Each structure stands twice: as structure tokens, then as C-alpha cells.
């Protein structure tokens, strides 16, 4: 006696359709994951650039208001801060700005030095305007200090 019971199962065509739909959905998922990864990398790089610029700005503000004499030497491309007991300097290079043990990886497109509201090329300054490169969205940074009477007593 042979049993003629039919076993219910999926056909080959149905399995192929399920495999194709699954592969399309997984492919779309990986595409979205790749886009999210690229955006996160861009956000992180932007955050790092802004943090670097903020650290430079904070360091310059502290030094501008801590030191009594600020001079700029155009030949050496060096900004020097001096008091009776201490000296520090910033050296501007093509690759960034170097201050003692700190290096700010900020490329500049331009810098302007000011003294008493007038642009100067060399000597004593009381304000500094830096323009960053395209990599830093060409942001401008202005740092200044208020002059006291001791600066004009020579």
C-alpha cells in the first residue's frame, strides 16, 4: 500500500524570489550604512578642525592679555610675547603654527598685524587678524588687547 500524501513545501521559484528580495534589502542596508559612516567621518573632521581653531584662539587671547609687549618679525614670520620675566613666541609656517611645545595644524591664507588701529608689517602690535585656508572654511580670527599707558612711554 502506497501512501499518496502530498508534502507541502516551497517551490524553487518561490525560494529564488525570496533570495533576490533579501539580497536587494541587504544591499540597500549596506549603502545606507556607508553613507552614515561617511557623514559621521565628515562631522568628526569638522569638529576636530573647529576644536583646533578654538584652541589657537584661546591660546592667543591668553597670551595677548598676559604679556605687556607683543612684537611681530616679518622676516622670521614670528610673533613674540614679552614681559620682564617671561617670553613666548608663535612661529607661522606653511604647515601650521608652532608655539613652544604646541603645534596648531591650521593653514593660514593670510594674516594682518595691527597697532593702534593701523595695519603694520613689522614691530609692536596690539591686534592680529588671521584668515584660515579653505580647509577651515576661510574663517577669520581677530585677537586684540587694550593698550595701557606703559606701551606709549618710550
Protein backbone atom coordinates (compact mmCIF):
# COMPACT_ATOMS: atom_id res chain seq x y z
CA UNK A 1 0.00 0.00 0.00
CA UNK A 2 1.48 3.25 -1.10
CA UNK A 3 0.52 6.50 0.56
CA UNK A 4 -0.25 9.37 -1.73
CA UNK A 5 0.05 12.12 0.90
CA UNK A 6 1.39 15.36 -0.50
CA UNK A 7 4.15 17.19 1.45
CA UNK A 8 3.67 20.93 1.48
CA UNK A 9 6.87 22.83 0.56
CA UNK A 10 8.05 25.94 -1.28
CA UNK A 11 8.75 25.70 -4.97
CA UNK A 12 12.13 26.58 -6.42
CA UNK A 13 10.70 29.75 -7.99
CA UNK A 14 9.39 30.99 -4.64
CA UNK A 15 12.79 30.43 -2.96
CA UNK A 16 14.60 32.32 -5.73
CA UNK A 17 12.23 35.30 -5.36
CA UNK A 18 12.82 35.39 -1.58
CA UNK A 19 16.61 35.22 -2.05
CA UNK A 20 16.54 38.05 -4.63
CA UNK A 21 14.40 40.29 -2.38
CA UNK A 22 16.62 39.58 0.62
CA UNK A 23 19.79 40.44 -1.31
CA UNK A 24 18.25 43.74 -2.54
CA UNK A 25 17.26 44.74 1.00
CA UNK A 26 20.70 43.82 2.41
CA UNK A 27 22.40 45.79 -0.39
CA UNK A 28 20.31 48.85 0.39
CA UNK A 29 21.12 48.47 4.09
CA UNK A 30 24.87 48.45 3.37
CA UNK A 31 24.52 51.51 1.11
CA UNK A 32 22.77 53.43 3.88
CA UNK A 33 25.38 52.28 6.40
CA UNK A 34 28.18 53.50 4.11
CA UNK A 35 26.50 56.92 3.75
CA UNK A 36 26.04 57.24 7.51
CA UNK A 37 29.71 56.31 8.03
CA UNK A 38 30.86 58.97 5.55
CA UNK A 39 28.68 61.61 7.20
CA UNK A 40 29.98 60.69 10.67
CA UNK A 41 33.57 60.96 9.41
CA UNK A 42 32.80 64.40 7.96
CA UNK A 43 31.21 65.56 11.22
CA UNK A 44 34.21 64.32 13.21
CA UNK A 45 36.70 66.03 10.87
CA UNK A 46 34.74 69.30 11.09
CA UNK A 47 34.64 69.04 14.88
CA UNK A 48 38.42 68.45 15.01
CA UNK A 49 39.10 71.48 12.79
CA UNK A 50 36.86 73.71 14.90
CA UNK A 51 38.47 72.42 18.10
CA UNK A 52 41.95 73.15 16.74
CA UNK A 53 40.90 76.68 15.76
CA UNK A 54 39.31 77.24 19.19
CA UNK A 55 42.48 76.11 20.95
CA UNK A 56 44.56 78.56 18.88
CA UNK A 57 42.10 81.39 19.57
CA UNK A 58 42.10 80.67 23.31
CA UNK A 59 45.90 80.49 23.43
CA UNK A 60 46.26 83.78 21.56
CA UNK A 61 43.71 85.55 23.78
CA UNK A 62 45.50 84.38 26.91
CA UNK A 63 48.90 85.47 25.62
CA UNK A 64 47.64 88.80 24.27
CA UNK A 65 46.26 89.70 27.70
CA UNK A 66 49.06 88.14 29.77
CA UNK A 67 52.09 89.78 28.15
CA UNK A 68 52.80 93.50 28.09
CA UNK A 69 54.83 93.69 24.85
CA UNK A 70 53.90 91.98 21.60
CA UNK A 71 56.12 92.20 18.52
CA UNK A 72 55.95 90.68 15.06
CA UNK A 73 59.01 89.93 12.93
CA UNK A 74 58.00 89.59 9.28
CA UNK A 75 61.37 88.17 8.18
CA UNK A 76 61.17 85.23 10.58
CA UNK A 77 57.35 85.19 10.46
CA UNK A 78 57.36 85.12 14.25
CA UNK A 79 55.08 86.65 16.88
CA UNK A 80 56.84 87.28 20.21
CA UNK A 81 55.20 88.00 23.56
CA UNK A 82 57.44 89.52 26.26
CA UNK A 83 57.26 90.54 29.91
CA UNK A 84 60.04 91.34 32.36
CA UNK A 85 60.28 87.69 33.43
CA UNK A 86 58.93 85.59 30.57
CA UNK A 87 58.88 85.29 26.77
CA UNK A 88 56.91 83.09 24.42
CA UNK A 89 56.57 83.07 20.65
CA UNK A 90 54.45 81.78 17.80
CA UNK A 91 56.14 80.81 14.54
CA UNK A 92 54.00 80.74 11.42
CA UNK A 93 54.90 78.04 8.87
CA UNK A 94 53.24 76.68 5.74
CA UNK A 95 52.03 73.61 7.63
CA UNK A 96 50.74 75.36 10.75
CA UNK A 97 51.57 77.49 13.77
CA UNK A 98 54.16 76.45 16.36
CA UNK A 99 54.14 77.74 19.95
CA UNK A 100 56.82 76.24 22.21
CA UNK A 101 55.62 72.64 22.62
CA UNK A 102 52.24 73.21 20.95
CA UNK A 103 51.60 72.84 17.24
CA UNK A 104 48.37 74.09 15.73
CA UNK A 105 47.70 72.31 12.43
CA UNK A 106 46.00 75.30 10.87
CA UNK A 107 46.99 76.55 7.46
CA UNK A 108 46.63 80.27 7.02
CA UNK A 109 45.62 82.10 3.89
CA UNK A 110 46.55 85.48 5.30
CA UNK A 111 47.48 87.38 8.43
CA UNK A 112 47.36 91.06 9.25
CA UNK A 113 49.01 92.77 12.21
CA UNK A 114 47.66 95.98 13.73
CA UNK A 115 48.92 98.62 16.10
CA UNK A 116 46.68 101.38 17.42
CA UNK A 117 44.07 100.64 14.73
CA UNK A 118 46.51 100.78 11.79
CA UNK A 119 47.86 97.86 9.79
CA UNK A 120 51.60 97.30 10.31
CA UNK A 121 54.03 94.91 8.68
CA UNK A 122 56.62 94.66 11.43
CA UNK A 123 57.27 95.72 15.01
CA UNK A 124 54.98 96.27 18.00
CA UNK A 125 51.39 95.14 17.58
CA UNK A 126 48.21 95.11 19.65
CA UNK A 127 45.89 93.14 17.36
CA UNK A 128 46.11 90.23 14.97
CA UNK A 129 43.74 89.06 12.23
CA UNK A 130 44.19 85.55 10.83
CA UNK A 131 42.34 84.12 7.83
CA UNK A 132 42.32 80.34 7.59
CA UNK A 133 42.54 78.23 4.45
CA UNK A 134 39.62 76.67 2.58
CA UNK A 135 40.05 73.53 4.70
CA UNK A 136 38.94 75.59 7.71
CA UNK A 137 36.13 77.30 5.73
CA UNK A 138 38.18 80.51 5.44
CA UNK A 139 37.23 81.62 8.93
CA UNK A 140 38.66 84.86 10.28
CA UNK A 141 40.10 85.14 13.75
CA UNK A 142 40.63 88.57 15.35
CA UNK A 143 42.56 88.82 18.62
CA UNK A 144 43.37 92.14 20.30
CA UNK A 145 44.24 93.76 23.58
CA UNK A 146 43.67 97.17 25.12
CA UNK A 147 46.86 99.17 25.36
CA UNK A 148 47.87 100.73 28.65
CA UNK A 149 50.00 103.86 29.14
CA UNK A 150 53.25 101.92 29.67
CA UNK A 151 53.24 100.92 25.99
CA UNK A 152 53.42 104.56 24.85
CA UNK A 153 56.03 105.75 27.38
CA UNK A 154 59.05 105.44 25.10
